[in-house]
N, C-alpha and C. Protein backbone atom coordinates (compact mmCIF):
# COMPACT_ATOMS: atom_id res chain seq x y z
N UNK A 1 270.82 296.81 -9.82
CA UNK A 1 271.85 296.94 -9.29
C UNK A 1 272.70 298.32 -9.90
N UNK A 2 272.84 297.88 -11.29
CA UNK A 2 273.54 298.56 -12.22
C UNK A 2 272.95 299.95 -12.10
N UNK A 3 271.70 300.06 -12.10
CA UNK A 3 271.07 301.50 -12.32
C UNK A 3 271.60 302.54 -10.84
N UNK A 4 271.86 301.67 -9.72
CA UNK A 4 272.29 302.39 -8.65
C UNK A 4 273.66 302.90 -9.10
N UNK A 5 274.52 302.22 -9.72
CA UNK A 5 275.86 302.73 -10.20
C UNK A 5 275.85 303.94 -11.14
N UNK A 6 274.63 303.91 -11.84
CA UNK A 6 274.61 304.71 -12.96
C UNK A 6 274.13 306.32 -12.24
N UNK A 7 273.43 306.18 -11.02
CA UNK A 7 273.17 307.61 -10.47
C UNK A 7 273.83 307.96 -9.43
N UNK A 8 275.18 307.14 -9.43
CA UNK A 8 276.14 307.70 -8.45
C UNK A 8 277.15 308.84 -8.88
N UNK A 9 276.59 309.28 -9.99
CA UNK A 9 277.41 310.59 -10.46
C UNK A 9 277.41 311.68 -9.73
N UNK A 10 276.67 311.93 -8.93
CA UNK A 10 276.59 313.26 -8.24
C UNK A 10 276.71 313.01 -7.03
N UNK A 11 277.06 313.87 -6.05
CA UNK A 11 277.14 313.72 -4.49
C UNK A 11 275.70 313.74 -3.98
N UNK A 12 275.56 312.97 -2.91
CA UNK A 12 274.30 312.84 -2.35
C UNK A 12 273.03 312.08 -3.33
N UNK A 13 273.23 311.98 -4.54
CA UNK A 13 271.97 311.63 -5.65
C UNK A 13 271.69 309.96 -4.90
N UNK A 14 272.86 308.99 -4.91
CA UNK A 14 272.71 307.83 -4.60
C UNK A 14 272.04 307.65 -2.94
N UNK A 15 272.91 307.98 -2.28
CA UNK A 15 272.40 308.02 -0.63
C UNK A 15 271.25 308.74 -0.58
N UNK A 16 270.93 309.76 -1.09
CA UNK A 16 269.70 310.62 -0.81
C UNK A 16 268.45 309.48 -1.55
N UNK A 17 268.70 309.17 -2.62
CA UNK A 17 267.58 308.34 -3.38
C UNK A 17 267.24 307.00 -2.47
N UNK A 18 268.03 306.22 -1.89
CA UNK A 18 267.95 305.37 -0.82
C UNK A 18 267.52 305.66 0.43
N UNK A 19 267.81 307.15 0.92
CA UNK A 19 267.13 307.47 1.94
C UNK A 19 265.38 307.68 1.76
N UNK A 20 265.19 308.42 0.64
CA UNK A 20 263.79 308.24 0.15
C UNK A 20 262.97 307.27 0.36
N UNK A 21 263.40 306.27 -0.44
CA UNK A 21 263.26 304.88 -0.39
C UNK A 21 262.78 304.32 0.89
N UNK A 22 263.91 304.31 1.62
CA UNK A 22 263.79 303.99 3.07
C UNK A 22 262.92 304.61 3.77
N UNK A 23 262.59 305.99 3.72
CA UNK A 23 261.55 306.52 4.38
C UNK A 23 260.39 305.97 4.18
N UNK A 24 259.89 305.58 2.77
CA UNK A 24 258.47 305.33 2.35
C UNK A 24 258.20 303.88 2.79
N UNK A 25 259.27 303.02 2.65
CA UNK A 25 259.43 301.71 3.30
C UNK A 25 258.94 301.57 5.01
N UNK A 26 259.56 302.55 5.58
CA UNK A 26 258.96 302.63 6.91
C UNK A 26 257.78 303.27 7.04
N UNK A 27 257.55 304.35 6.10
CA UNK A 27 256.11 305.13 6.34
C UNK A 27 255.01 304.00 5.93
N UNK A 28 255.32 303.25 5.07
CA UNK A 28 253.94 302.26 4.40
C UNK A 28 254.13 301.01 5.48
N UNK A 29 255.05 300.83 6.38
CA UNK A 29 255.17 299.53 7.17
C UNK A 29 255.57 298.43 6.18
N UNK A 30 255.76 298.51 5.14
CA UNK A 30 256.27 297.27 4.27
C UNK A 30 257.59 296.55 4.92
N UNK A 31 258.53 297.53 5.25
CA UNK A 31 259.81 296.85 5.70
C UNK A 31 259.47 295.73 6.76
N UNK A 32 258.52 295.99 7.60
CA UNK A 32 258.23 294.91 9.09
C UNK A 32 257.62 293.77 8.09
N UNK A 33 257.23 293.93 7.07
CA UNK A 33 256.37 292.71 6.50
C UNK A 33 257.48 291.46 5.98
N UNK A 34 258.70 291.63 5.76
CA UNK A 34 259.55 290.76 5.88
C UNK A 34 260.55 290.36 6.67
N UNK A 35 260.02 290.48 7.90
CA UNK A 35 260.61 289.96 9.02
C UNK A 35 261.73 290.65 9.57
N UNK A 36 262.13 292.05 8.87
CA UNK A 36 263.12 292.89 9.38
C UNK A 36 262.64 293.81 10.46
N UNK A 37 263.21 293.89 11.46
CA UNK A 37 262.96 294.70 12.64
C UNK A 37 263.04 296.10 12.33
N UNK A 38 261.74 296.90 12.73
CA UNK A 38 261.82 298.15 12.50
C UNK A 38 263.03 298.85 13.26
N UNK A 39 263.30 298.58 14.49
CA UNK A 39 264.39 299.17 15.19
C UNK A 39 265.58 298.90 14.45
N UNK A 40 265.87 298.06 13.87
CA UNK A 40 267.18 297.76 13.21
C UNK A 40 267.17 298.51 11.66
N UNK A 41 265.86 298.60 11.17
CA UNK A 41 266.13 299.16 9.87
C UNK A 41 266.01 300.84 10.26
N UNK A 42 265.61 301.26 11.50
CA UNK A 42 265.91 302.65 11.77
C UNK A 42 267.36 303.15 12.02
N UNK A 43 267.79 301.96 12.51
CA UNK A 43 269.50 302.31 12.83
C UNK A 43 270.31 302.29 11.27
N UNK A 44 269.83 301.63 10.24
CA UNK A 44 270.47 301.77 9.07
C UNK A 44 270.10 302.97 8.58
N UNK A 45 268.76 303.40 8.57
CA UNK A 45 268.09 304.53 8.12
C UNK A 45 269.06 305.71 8.73
N UNK A 46 269.40 305.76 9.98
CA UNK A 46 270.24 306.88 10.69
C UNK A 46 271.66 306.76 10.12
N UNK A 47 272.11 305.52 9.83
CA UNK A 47 273.43 305.46 9.11
C UNK A 47 273.24 306.05 7.68
N UNK A 48 272.20 305.83 6.97
CA UNK A 48 272.29 306.43 5.46
C UNK A 48 272.36 307.92 5.78
N UNK A 49 271.63 308.58 6.73
CA UNK A 49 271.73 310.27 7.11
C UNK A 49 272.86 310.42 7.16
N UNK A 50 273.91 309.75 8.24
CA UNK A 50 275.29 310.35 8.33
C UNK A 50 276.13 310.22 6.94
N UNK A 51 275.67 309.08 6.38
CA UNK A 51 276.45 308.82 5.18
C UNK A 51 275.98 309.81 4.13
N UNK A 52 274.87 310.30 3.98
CA UNK A 52 274.26 311.41 3.27
C UNK A 52 275.03 312.84 3.84
N UNK A 53 275.24 313.12 4.83
CA UNK A 53 275.90 314.26 5.43
C UNK A 53 277.35 314.28 4.95
N UNK A 54 277.94 313.23 5.18
CA UNK A 54 279.49 312.93 4.75
C UNK A 54 279.54 313.22 3.28
N UNK A 55 278.80 312.74 2.45
CA UNK A 55 278.68 312.78 1.16
C UNK A 55 278.37 314.35 0.63
N UNK A 56 277.49 314.91 1.47
CA UNK A 56 277.12 316.17 1.20
C UNK A 56 278.23 317.34 1.58
N UNK A 57 279.24 316.83 2.38
CA UNK A 57 280.34 317.72 2.82
C UNK A 57 281.43 317.25 2.09
N UNK A 58 281.32 316.20 1.15
CA UNK A 58 282.57 315.73 0.41
C UNK A 58 283.57 315.02 1.17
N UNK A 59 283.13 314.49 2.27
CA UNK A 59 284.13 313.65 3.35
C UNK A 59 283.80 312.05 2.92
N UNK A 60 283.11 311.74 2.20
CA UNK A 60 282.95 310.27 1.73
C UNK A 60 282.19 310.02 0.41
N UNK A 61 282.67 309.32 -0.44
CA UNK A 61 282.02 308.78 -1.75
C UNK A 61 281.68 307.50 -1.76
N UNK A 62 280.61 307.20 -2.38
CA UNK A 62 280.22 305.63 -2.30
C UNK A 62 280.93 304.83 -3.34
N UNK A 63 281.26 305.34 -4.43
CA UNK A 63 281.92 304.65 -5.48
C UNK A 63 281.31 303.21 -6.15
N UNK A 64 281.90 302.86 -6.73
CA UNK A 64 281.12 301.36 -7.42
C UNK A 64 280.81 300.64 -6.40
N UNK A 65 281.83 299.90 -5.61
CA UNK A 65 281.21 299.19 -4.50
C UNK A 65 280.25 299.56 -3.52
N UNK A 66 280.30 300.76 -3.08
CA UNK A 66 278.83 301.32 -2.36
C UNK A 66 277.59 301.32 -3.05
N UNK A 67 277.62 301.65 -4.43
CA UNK A 67 276.53 301.58 -5.28
C UNK A 67 276.00 300.51 -5.49
N UNK A 68 276.74 299.49 -5.91
CA UNK A 68 276.58 298.05 -6.12
C UNK A 68 275.92 297.41 -4.66
N UNK A 69 276.42 297.81 -3.69
CA UNK A 69 276.00 297.06 -2.46
C UNK A 69 274.46 297.61 -1.79
N UNK A 70 274.55 299.12 -2.30
CA UNK A 70 272.93 299.48 -1.93
C UNK A 70 272.02 298.95 -2.84
N UNK A 71 272.30 298.98 -4.25
CA UNK A 71 271.56 298.41 -4.78
C UNK A 71 270.83 296.90 -4.95
N UNK A 72 272.13 296.21 -4.21
CA UNK A 72 272.05 294.75 -3.92
C UNK A 72 270.86 294.56 -2.67
N UNK A 73 271.21 295.51 -1.73
CA UNK A 73 270.58 295.52 -0.44
C UNK A 73 269.17 295.74 -0.68
N UNK A 74 268.86 297.03 -1.38
CA UNK A 74 267.47 297.24 -1.81
C UNK A 74 266.72 296.53 -2.59
N UNK A 75 267.58 296.01 -3.64
CA UNK A 75 266.84 294.95 -4.44
C UNK A 75 266.34 293.83 -3.73
N UNK A 76 266.97 293.30 -2.92
CA UNK A 76 266.66 292.16 -2.10
C UNK A 76 265.55 292.63 -1.21
N UNK A 77 265.56 293.81 -0.49
CA UNK A 77 264.50 294.24 0.45
C UNK A 77 263.00 294.30 -0.80
N UNK A 78 263.22 294.94 -1.56
CA UNK A 78 262.03 295.32 -2.73
C UNK A 78 261.35 293.83 -2.88
N UNK A 79 262.26 293.02 -3.40
CA UNK A 79 261.70 291.63 -3.79
C UNK A 79 261.11 290.85 -2.85
N UNK A 80 261.71 290.82 -1.53
CA UNK A 80 261.36 290.20 -0.34
C UNK A 80 259.62 290.93 0.10
N UNK A 81 259.75 292.16 -0.37
CA UNK A 81 258.65 292.86 0.30
C UNK A 81 257.15 292.51 -0.67
N UNK A 82 257.48 292.27 -2.01
CA UNK A 82 256.88 292.08 -3.04
C UNK A 82 256.17 290.59 -2.91
N UNK A 83 257.14 289.94 -2.41
CA UNK A 83 257.00 288.32 -2.36
C UNK A 83 255.85 287.99 -1.06
N UNK A 84 256.07 288.86 -0.07
CA UNK A 84 255.15 288.79 1.30
C UNK A 84 254.13 289.78 1.17
N UNK A 85 253.64 290.48 0.16
CA UNK A 85 252.75 291.31 -0.01
C UNK A 85 252.30 291.49 -1.32
N UNK A 86 251.53 290.34 -1.73
CA UNK A 86 250.90 289.98 -3.01
C UNK A 86 250.09 290.97 -3.43
N UNK A 87 249.32 291.70 -2.21
CA UNK A 87 248.20 292.65 -2.59
C UNK A 87 248.64 293.89 -2.92
N UNK A 88 249.88 294.35 -2.63
CA UNK A 88 250.59 295.69 -2.79
C UNK A 88 250.83 295.48 -4.34
N UNK A 89 250.35 296.38 -5.18
CA UNK A 89 250.58 296.82 -6.67
C UNK A 89 251.97 296.44 -6.93
N UNK A 90 252.29 295.40 -7.83
CA UNK A 90 253.73 295.09 -8.21
C UNK A 90 254.25 296.34 -9.02
N UNK A 91 253.38 297.52 -9.56
CA UNK A 91 253.83 298.80 -10.10
C UNK A 91 254.13 299.58 -8.92
N UNK A 92 253.86 299.55 -7.80
CA UNK A 92 254.35 300.37 -6.64
C UNK A 92 255.79 299.79 -6.41
N UNK A 93 255.99 298.83 -6.69
CA UNK A 93 257.26 298.19 -6.27
C UNK A 93 258.19 298.74 -7.55
N UNK A 94 257.88 298.57 -8.55
CA UNK A 94 258.54 299.23 -9.62
C UNK A 94 258.85 300.67 -9.64
N UNK A 95 257.97 301.35 -8.89
CA UNK A 95 257.71 302.93 -8.70
C UNK A 95 259.06 302.96 -8.00
N UNK A 96 258.99 302.12 -6.93
CA UNK A 96 260.03 302.51 -5.88
C UNK A 96 261.45 302.75 -6.48
N UNK A 97 261.76 301.65 -7.50
CA UNK A 97 263.03 301.80 -8.14
C UNK A 97 263.11 302.12 -9.54
N UNK A 98 262.05 303.21 -9.81
CA UNK A 98 262.09 303.70 -11.31
C UNK A 98 262.84 304.22 -11.67
N UNK A 99 263.68 305.28 -10.73
CA UNK A 99 264.70 306.17 -11.29
C UNK A 99 265.93 305.53 -11.62
N UNK A 100 266.55 304.89 -10.82
CA UNK A 100 267.93 304.17 -11.36
C UNK A 100 267.63 303.11 -12.47
N UNK A 101 266.57 302.30 -12.32
CA UNK A 101 266.14 301.57 -13.70
C UNK A 101 265.87 302.46 -14.93
N UNK A 102 265.29 303.58 -14.94
CA UNK A 102 264.98 304.18 -15.97
C UNK A 102 266.29 304.75 -16.54
N UNK A 103 266.87 305.52 -15.57
CA UNK A 103 268.30 305.96 -16.38
C UNK A 103 269.18 304.89 -16.92
N UNK A 104 269.22 303.86 -16.36
CA UNK A 104 269.86 302.50 -17.09
C UNK A 104 269.14 302.30 -18.50
N UNK A 105 267.83 302.07 -18.59
CA UNK A 105 267.35 301.47 -19.78
C UNK A 105 267.10 302.90 -20.63
N UNK A 106 266.81 304.17 -20.42
CA UNK A 106 267.02 305.01 -21.19
C UNK A 106 268.51 305.34 -21.78
N UNK A 107 269.18 304.98 -21.07
CA UNK A 107 270.68 305.00 -21.50
C UNK A 107 271.25 304.06 -22.61
N UNK A 108 270.40 303.06 -22.48
CA UNK A 108 270.80 302.02 -23.21
C UNK A 108 270.12 302.11 -24.61
N UNK A 109 268.81 302.44 -24.34
CA UNK A 109 267.97 302.74 -25.74
C UNK A 109 268.85 304.00 -26.37
N UNK A 110 269.11 305.17 -25.79
CA UNK A 110 269.77 306.17 -26.41
C UNK A 110 270.79 305.76 -27.06
N UNK A 111 271.93 305.02 -26.45
CA UNK A 111 272.85 304.78 -27.02
C UNK A 111 272.60 303.66 -28.33
N UNK A 112 271.74 303.15 -28.28
CA UNK A 112 271.53 302.08 -29.32
C UNK A 112 270.70 302.90 -30.69
N UNK A 113 269.97 303.71 -30.30
CA UNK A 113 269.38 304.68 -31.13
C UNK A 113 270.46 305.68 -32.13
N UNK A 114 271.58 305.82 -31.56
CA UNK A 114 272.55 306.70 -32.05
C UNK A 114 273.78 305.88 -32.28
N UNK A 115 273.56 304.51 -32.60
CA UNK A 115 274.62 303.60 -32.96
C UNK A 115 275.83 303.51 -32.08
N UNK A 116 275.71 303.78 -30.97
CA UNK A 116 277.17 303.83 -29.86
C UNK A 116 276.76 302.29 -29.13
N UNK A 117 277.83 302.14 -28.61
CA UNK A 117 277.76 300.98 -27.90
C UNK A 117 277.15 301.32 -26.31
N UNK A 118 276.17 300.30 -26.08
CA UNK A 118 275.56 300.49 -24.87
C UNK A 118 276.36 300.24 -23.61
N UNK A 119 277.56 299.49 -24.18
CA UNK A 119 278.52 299.03 -23.05
C UNK A 119 279.52 299.95 -22.52
N UNK A 120 279.71 301.34 -23.53
CA UNK A 120 280.51 302.39 -23.22
C UNK A 120 280.02 303.61 -22.48
N UNK A 121 280.75 304.14 -21.32
CA UNK A 121 280.33 305.00 -20.68
C UNK A 121 279.97 306.26 -21.64
N UNK A 122 279.44 307.17 -21.12
CA UNK A 122 279.43 308.35 -21.67
C UNK A 122 278.74 309.38 -20.48
N UNK A 123 278.66 310.80 -20.83
CA UNK A 123 278.11 311.83 -19.71
C UNK A 123 276.82 312.50 -20.05
N UNK A 124 276.00 311.62 -20.72
CA UNK A 124 274.51 311.80 -21.17
C UNK A 124 273.43 311.80 -20.51
N UNK A 125 274.13 311.28 -19.11
CA UNK A 125 272.87 310.51 -18.14
C UNK A 125 272.06 311.96 -17.87
N UNK A 126 270.62 311.95 -17.49
CA UNK A 126 269.79 312.96 -17.09
C UNK A 126 270.57 313.76 -15.76
N UNK A 127 270.87 313.17 -14.78
CA UNK A 127 271.65 313.81 -13.93
C UNK A 127 273.08 314.76 -14.13
N UNK A 128 273.46 314.35 -15.06
CA UNK A 128 274.68 314.92 -15.33
C UNK A 128 274.44 316.19 -16.29
N UNK A 129 273.44 315.80 -17.14
CA UNK A 129 272.97 317.04 -17.82
C UNK A 129 272.20 317.96 -17.28
N UNK A 130 271.36 317.60 -16.02
CA UNK A 130 270.94 318.45 -15.23
C UNK A 130 272.06 319.64 -14.59
N UNK A 131 273.00 318.74 -14.06
CA UNK A 131 274.10 319.47 -13.38
C UNK A 131 274.71 320.44 -14.49
N UNK A 132 274.99 320.18 -15.43
CA UNK A 132 275.68 321.24 -16.55
C UNK A 132 274.67 322.08 -16.73
N UNK A 133 273.38 321.88 -16.65
CA UNK A 133 272.46 322.96 -16.85
C UNK A 133 272.34 323.93 -15.83
N UNK A 134 272.27 323.42 -14.53
CA UNK A 134 272.41 324.19 -13.23
C UNK A 134 273.57 325.07 -13.16
N UNK A 135 274.85 324.47 -13.68
CA UNK A 135 275.88 325.19 -13.32
C UNK A 135 276.03 326.24 -14.25
N UNK A 136 275.46 326.08 -15.45
CA UNK A 136 275.46 327.33 -16.59
C UNK A 136 274.49 328.22 -16.31
N UNK A 137 273.48 327.89 -15.92
CA UNK A 137 272.14 328.67 -15.80
C UNK A 137 272.65 329.75 -14.45
N UNK A 138 272.80 329.09 -13.29
CA UNK A 138 273.12 329.87 -12.04
C UNK A 138 274.50 330.53 -11.64
N UNK A 139 275.31 330.08 -12.91
CA UNK A 139 276.91 330.23 -12.78
C UNK A 139 277.58 329.85 -11.33
N UNK A 140 277.21 328.97 -10.93
CA UNK A 140 277.39 328.55 -9.52
C UNK A 140 278.67 327.63 -9.55
N UNK A 141 279.57 327.57 -8.72
CA UNK A 141 280.51 326.51 -8.58
C UNK A 141 280.30 325.01 -8.88
N UNK A 142 281.14 324.32 -9.22
CA UNK A 142 280.76 323.05 -9.61
C UNK A 142 280.09 322.17 -8.36
N UNK A 143 280.71 322.29 -7.30
CA UNK A 143 280.26 321.33 -5.90
C UNK A 143 278.64 321.98 -5.84
N UNK A 144 278.44 323.10 -5.70
CA UNK A 144 277.24 323.48 -5.42
C UNK A 144 275.99 322.95 -6.57
N UNK A 145 276.47 323.06 -7.70
CA UNK A 145 275.77 322.82 -8.86
C UNK A 145 275.61 321.21 -8.69
N UNK A 146 276.72 320.30 -8.33
CA UNK A 146 276.30 319.02 -8.29
C UNK A 146 275.66 318.92 -7.31
N UNK A 147 275.56 319.07 -5.90
CA UNK A 147 274.45 318.84 -4.84
C UNK A 147 273.33 319.52 -4.98
N UNK A 148 273.30 320.50 -5.88
CA UNK A 148 271.82 321.14 -5.97
C UNK A 148 271.15 320.16 -7.05
N UNK A 149 271.92 319.67 -7.99
CA UNK A 149 271.21 318.78 -9.19
C UNK A 149 270.70 317.44 -8.26
N UNK A 150 271.58 317.12 -7.44
CA UNK A 150 271.38 315.53 -6.76
C UNK A 150 270.14 315.65 -6.02
N UNK A 151 269.98 316.93 -5.20
CA UNK A 151 268.94 317.19 -4.27
C UNK A 151 267.44 317.33 -5.16
N UNK A 152 267.58 318.08 -6.19
CA UNK A 152 266.51 318.60 -6.86
C UNK A 152 265.84 317.05 -7.38
N UNK A 153 266.62 316.38 -7.85
CA UNK A 153 266.06 314.95 -8.24
C UNK A 153 265.43 314.31 -7.22
N UNK A 154 266.15 314.33 -5.98
CA UNK A 154 265.63 313.29 -4.92
C UNK A 154 264.41 313.97 -4.17
N UNK A 155 264.12 315.17 -4.25
CA UNK A 155 263.20 315.85 -4.06
C UNK A 155 261.83 315.51 -5.00
N UNK A 156 261.93 315.70 -6.18
CA UNK A 156 261.32 315.12 -7.14
C UNK A 156 260.59 313.73 -6.73
N UNK A 157 261.70 313.00 -6.85
CA UNK A 157 261.43 311.46 -6.29
C UNK A 157 260.77 311.44 -4.79
N UNK A 158 260.97 312.02 -3.92
CA UNK A 158 260.44 312.20 -2.72
C UNK A 158 258.89 312.45 -2.81
N UNK A 159 258.39 313.40 -3.65
CA UNK A 159 257.03 313.54 -4.05
C UNK A 159 256.40 312.60 -4.88
N UNK A 160 257.06 311.98 -5.35
CA UNK A 160 256.65 310.90 -6.31
C UNK A 160 256.13 309.62 -5.87
N UNK A 161 257.04 309.12 -4.90
CA UNK A 161 256.91 308.19 -3.80
C UNK A 161 255.98 308.54 -2.72
N UNK A 162 255.84 309.89 -2.15
CA UNK A 162 254.80 310.08 -1.40
C UNK A 162 253.33 309.98 -2.27
N UNK A 163 253.04 310.40 -3.29
CA UNK A 163 251.82 310.08 -3.73
C UNK A 163 251.54 308.60 -3.98
N UNK A 164 252.92 308.06 -4.51
CA UNK A 164 252.63 306.44 -4.76
C UNK A 164 252.46 305.76 -3.36
N UNK A 165 252.61 306.16 -2.40
CA UNK A 165 252.74 305.61 -0.81
C UNK A 165 251.02 305.72 -0.57
N UNK A 166 250.36 306.85 -1.11
CA UNK A 166 249.04 306.94 -0.77
C UNK A 166 248.24 305.63 -0.93
N UNK A 167 248.67 305.18 -2.26
CA UNK A 167 247.51 304.02 -2.72
C UNK A 167 248.37 302.83 -3.20
N UNK A 168 249.23 302.20 -2.47
CA UNK A 168 250.06 301.12 -2.66
C UNK A 168 249.34 299.89 -3.29
N UNK A 169 248.16 299.83 -2.96
CA UNK A 169 247.45 298.59 -3.73
C UNK A 169 246.74 298.68 -4.87
N UNK A 170 246.55 300.07 -5.46
CA UNK A 170 246.04 300.69 -6.61
C UNK A 170 246.99 300.70 -7.74
N UNK A 171 246.62 299.36 -8.53
CA UNK A 171 247.90 299.33 -9.73
C UNK A 171 247.38 300.49 -10.75
N UNK A 172 246.23 300.80 -11.05
CA UNK A 172 246.04 301.81 -11.88
C UNK A 172 246.46 303.19 -11.80
N UNK A 173 246.35 303.62 -10.24
CA UNK A 173 247.02 304.51 -9.86
C UNK A 173 248.61 304.85 -9.96
N UNK A 174 249.18 303.58 -9.79
CA UNK A 174 250.56 303.31 -9.79
C UNK A 174 251.11 303.37 -11.39
N UNK A 175 250.32 302.85 -12.05
CA UNK A 175 250.72 303.04 -13.62
C UNK A 175 251.02 304.26 -13.92
N UNK A 176 249.79 305.08 -13.63
CA UNK A 176 249.62 306.58 -13.96
C UNK A 176 250.85 307.38 -13.73
N UNK A 177 251.14 307.03 -12.24
CA UNK A 177 252.50 307.54 -11.76
C UNK A 177 253.65 307.48 -12.68
N UNK A 178 253.91 306.16 -12.93
CA UNK A 178 254.98 305.69 -13.76
C UNK A 178 254.89 306.31 -15.16
N UNK A 179 253.86 306.47 -15.89
CA UNK A 179 253.73 306.78 -16.93
C UNK A 179 253.96 308.54 -16.84
N UNK A 180 253.65 309.11 -15.68
CA UNK A 180 253.85 310.46 -15.55
C UNK A 180 255.39 310.62 -15.54
N UNK A 181 255.82 309.80 -14.66
CA UNK A 181 257.46 309.90 -14.54
C UNK A 181 258.28 309.93 -15.87
N UNK A 182 257.81 308.85 -16.51
CA UNK A 182 258.56 308.74 -17.94
C UNK A 182 258.24 309.89 -18.81
N UNK A 183 257.42 310.46 -18.64
CA UNK A 183 256.99 311.77 -19.80
C UNK A 183 257.82 313.01 -19.16
N UNK A 184 257.91 313.18 -18.05
CA UNK A 184 258.50 314.17 -17.24
C UNK A 184 259.90 313.80 -17.55
N UNK A 185 260.75 312.97 -17.23
CA UNK A 185 261.72 312.38 -17.25
C UNK A 185 262.32 312.84 -18.80
N UNK A 186 261.45 312.19 -20.04
CA UNK A 186 262.06 312.47 -21.24
C UNK A 186 261.85 313.86 -21.50
N UNK A 187 260.69 314.50 -21.14
CA UNK A 187 260.74 316.21 -21.46
C UNK A 187 261.73 317.00 -20.90
N UNK A 188 262.21 316.81 -19.87
CA UNK A 188 263.11 317.53 -19.15
C UNK A 188 264.44 316.96 -19.95
N UNK A 189 264.69 315.75 -20.28
CA UNK A 189 265.76 315.40 -20.72
C UNK A 189 266.07 316.35 -22.25
N UNK A 190 265.31 316.03 -22.61
CA UNK A 190 265.22 316.67 -23.92
C UNK A 190 265.06 318.25 -24.34
N UNK A 191 264.57 318.90 -23.10
CA UNK A 191 264.48 320.36 -22.94
C UNK A 191 265.92 320.94 -22.63
N UNK A 192 266.49 319.96 -21.63
CA UNK A 192 267.75 320.64 -21.13
C UNK A 192 268.99 320.13 -21.67
């Protein structure tokens, strides 16, 4: 839940991330396994699409309440999916929520490493560093860099979840994808 609040720093990042998660919950059929009617979830998905568009055009922002609500809803869905599908690799479940969770974990570890309070906010999260890097390299307006950064991250997560959804029962495959994600995240965090 707190990881969702961490990634709410860029327009479309939070909503886009949960759109990607929703897409793959529908694609794999896992949402049906918790007794949630697919038709209702499609309506939820469409609501997220509209929120995404409004967020894209700066007409609505999720804020803390929206971030916590989305984190809570998807946390509940994911836990129920795992409880009802014990054959699905638990690492697939981890991979679905890897990005917000790792942003939070990496931030805590980074702050402790540099003798800073993990409870105090800062601007050194990956999505914020990527935003500053894109704004500097492409010399674009803040709004363009903001949305572009979020969509690059979401596109990356789309491909990771696509590959993960190909073998949802294969734990070794899922672990390899998680390790790959961590390596890529840390590499780019340190490079930019």
